[in-house]
Amino acid sequence: MAKIGLYGGTFNPIHEAHVHLVKDFADQLGLHKILLMPTFQPPHKQAHQLASPEDRLAMCRLAAEGDSRIQVSDLEIRREGKSYTAETLEELHKLYPGNQWYLLMGEDMFLTVDSWYHPEKIYQLAVLCAAPRSLDGIPRLQEHAKFLHTRGAESILCNIRYLPVSSTLVRKAVAEGQPLDGLVPLKIARYIKERGLYRQKEGDES
């Protein structure tokens, strides 16, 4: 039985904190494979200046280069519409039967997972794995893991070093003409420049 991680997100764009998180999860959990899966349309939040699905997929593929454990999946993008984790996990169980799934997420997602679409289905289909996105995040995660346990969820908390990078920060830097050193891998910085992504400041008329 293979241990497979699922790490989904808007990835608008994928950045250094995403890459750091996914590799540390793989190391700490002993995962054989991780599926990096960009959403077609995020159900939980408004996506500002959303790059095309093709561009977000391409940037994820660039980020995955050099680590054979990481594969990029276009499953949610091909399905279109809002991306619901419960439906995705059901589909993955059919595509990859007999494996153990680990749903990888940051602090903010873990603290709201019980309000997602059919959370009980998610608990049945995957182990929830969370890492802090703040310096004092672990106690909050521990408290919520206890609550989720009463709902039938199995959780693993990984104390992965928090990198203060966000997609919003990257888009802002691009719009202001700032360098992207330390924010995204060099290949992705080049891709963003070549494709002319995120040049408009958020809130401006398109």
Foldseek 3Di string as FASTA:
>chain_A
DFEEEEEEEQCLPPWDQNLLQVVVCCVVVVHQAYEYEHACAEPPDDDFLRDHPVLNQVQVVVSCPPPVRYDYDDVNVVVHDYDAPLVVLVVVCVVDPPYAYEYEDELVCLQCLVVGDPSLSVQVRHAYEYEYQDPPRVVVNVVSCVVVVVSNHHYDYDHRDHDPEDSLNVLQCQLVVHDCVPIHPPVSSVSCVVVVGSNHRTPDDD
